[in-house]
Amino acid sequence: MKKLFFYALVIAIVIAIGSAVRPYWDKYWIQKELEIAAVYGTKNTVENTKAFLLNKFKEEGYRIYEGDIYIDKDSKNTVTITARYSDKISILGKDLQKLRFTVTATEREVKEYY
């Protein structure tokens, strides 16, 4: 009986840790997607960059929409992308905490020299 209780406790702790880490894990990967889109944006228009990024978010299953993404491109092709979104920590369907994230990526166009 003690072993059963111990295993149940270990499983509950693993589920709790996994639920608490998931929003931050997603934030890391969203940051990487923004960096890729910023590099893409140095060679493309703002509209194409936003469409590219929204398509990636849709493929990955992130709930970030067009109104949550801000793209700025200057005359020297420096692209800054900011995404604001909400996430939550939940265990077994019960929301424990809501989180607001703002993720920003900036890239500059690099000239190729041969």
Protein backbone atom coordinates (compact mmCIF):
# COMPACT_ATOMS: atom_id res chain seq x y z
CA MET A 1 0.00 0.00 0.00
CA LYS A 2 2.87 2.36 0.78
CA LYS A 3 4.38 1.76 -2.66
CA LEU A 4 1.11 2.57 -4.38
CA PHE A 5 0.83 5.84 -2.46
CA PHE A 6 4.47 6.66 -3.27
CA TYR A 7 3.95 6.01 -7.00
CA ALA A 8 0.80 8.13 -7.04
CA LEU A 9 2.66 10.94 -5.31
CA VAL A 10 5.56 10.76 -7.77
CA ILE A 11 3.17 10.82 -10.74
CA ALA A 12 1.34 13.84 -9.29
CA ILE A 13 4.63 15.70 -8.79
CA VAL A 14 5.76 14.94 -12.35
CA ILE A 15 2.43 16.18 -13.76
CA ALA A 16 2.64 19.36 -11.65
CA ILE A 17 6.20 20.12 -12.74
CA GLY A 18 5.37 19.43 -16.39
CA SER A 19 2.34 21.74 -16.23
CA ALA A 20 4.38 24.53 -14.64
CA VAL A 21 7.24 24.26 -17.14
CA ARG A 22 5.14 24.03 -20.35
CA PRO A 23 4.34 27.77 -20.76
CA TYR A 24 8.02 28.68 -20.43
CA TRP A 25 9.02 25.92 -22.80
CA ASP A 26 6.52 27.28 -25.35
CA LYS A 27 7.88 30.79 -24.83
CA TYR A 28 11.37 29.57 -25.71
CA TRP A 29 10.16 28.02 -28.98
CA ILE A 30 8.03 31.04 -29.84
CA GLN A 31 11.17 33.18 -29.40
CA LYS A 32 12.99 30.92 -31.87
CA GLU A 33 10.12 31.21 -34.37
CA LEU A 34 10.24 35.01 -34.06
CA GLU A 35 13.99 35.00 -34.74
CA ILE A 36 13.49 32.89 -37.87
CA ALA A 37 10.68 35.19 -39.04
CA ALA A 38 12.83 38.29 -38.38
CA VAL A 39 15.58 36.88 -40.59
CA TYR A 40 12.94 36.11 -43.22
CA GLY A 41 11.63 39.66 -42.86
CA THR A 42 14.97 41.25 -43.75
CA LYS A 43 14.49 40.02 -47.31
CA ASN A 44 10.68 40.22 -47.54
CA THR A 45 7.85 42.67 -46.92
CA VAL A 46 6.15 43.16 -43.56
CA GLU A 47 2.94 41.58 -44.87
CA ASN A 48 4.75 38.47 -46.14
CA THR A 49 6.66 38.20 -42.87
CA LYS A 50 3.46 38.37 -40.83
CA ALA A 51 1.80 35.75 -43.05
CA PHE A 52 4.88 33.52 -42.74
CA LEU A 53 4.87 33.85 -38.95
CA LEU A 54 1.12 33.27 -38.58
CA ASN A 55 1.41 30.16 -40.73
CA LYS A 56 4.22 28.83 -38.50
CA PHE A 57 2.20 29.52 -35.34
CA LYS A 58 -0.82 27.77 -36.84
CA GLU A 59 1.30 24.74 -37.79
CA GLU A 60 2.79 24.53 -34.30
CA GLY A 61 -0.58 25.01 -32.59
CA TYR A 62 0.23 28.25 -30.75
CA ARG A 63 -2.69 30.56 -29.98
CA ILE A 64 -1.15 33.77 -31.27
CA TYR A 65 -3.21 35.76 -33.72
CA GLU A 66 -2.63 38.62 -36.16
CA GLY A 67 -3.53 41.33 -33.63
CA ASP A 68 -0.93 39.97 -31.20
CA ILE A 69 2.02 40.44 -33.58
CA TYR A 70 3.77 43.75 -34.24
CA ILE A 71 6.40 44.02 -36.96
CA ASP A 72 8.63 47.05 -37.54
CA LYS A 73 11.03 47.30 -40.48
CA ASP A 74 13.26 50.31 -41.05
CA SER A 75 15.03 51.61 -44.15
CA LYS A 76 18.19 49.59 -43.36
CA ASN A 77 16.15 46.34 -43.30
CA THR A 78 16.33 45.91 -39.54
CA VAL A 79 13.28 43.92 -38.51
CA THR A 80 11.82 43.89 -35.01
CA ILE A 81 8.99 41.49 -34.25
CA THR A 82 7.05 41.57 -30.99
CA ALA A 83 4.42 39.03 -29.98
CA ARG A 84 2.17 39.41 -26.94
CA TYR A 85 0.12 36.47 -25.77
CA SER A 86 -1.39 34.80 -22.73
CA ASP A 87 -0.82 31.33 -21.39
CA LYS A 88 -1.76 29.55 -18.21
CA ILE A 89 -0.52 26.97 -15.78
CA SER A 90 -3.19 24.34 -15.29
CA ILE A 91 -3.29 20.94 -13.69
CA LEU A 92 -6.00 18.47 -14.66
CA GLY A 93 -8.11 21.21 -16.22
CA LYS A 94 -7.95 23.57 -13.25
CA ASP A 95 -6.29 26.91 -14.01
CA LEU A 96 -3.76 27.82 -11.35
CA GLN A 97 -2.21 30.96 -12.83
CA LYS A 98 -2.57 33.10 -15.93
CA LEU A 99 0.61 34.40 -17.52
CA ARG A 100 1.21 37.28 -19.95
CA PHE A 101 4.26 37.04 -22.21
CA THR A 102 5.90 39.59 -24.49
CA VAL A 103 8.54 38.13 -26.78
CA THR A 104 10.72 40.27 -29.07
CA ALA A 105 13.26 39.41 -31.77
CA THR A 106 15.40 41.82 -33.81
CA GLU A 107 17.51 40.95 -36.84
CA ARG A 108 19.52 43.02 -39.30
CA GLU A 109 20.10 42.30 -42.93
CA VAL A 110 23.58 40.95 -43.47
CA LYS A 111 25.29 41.69 -46.75
CA GLU A 112 26.92 38.71 -48.38
CA TYR A 113 30.54 39.21 -49.34
CA TYR A 114 32.38 36.72 -51.51
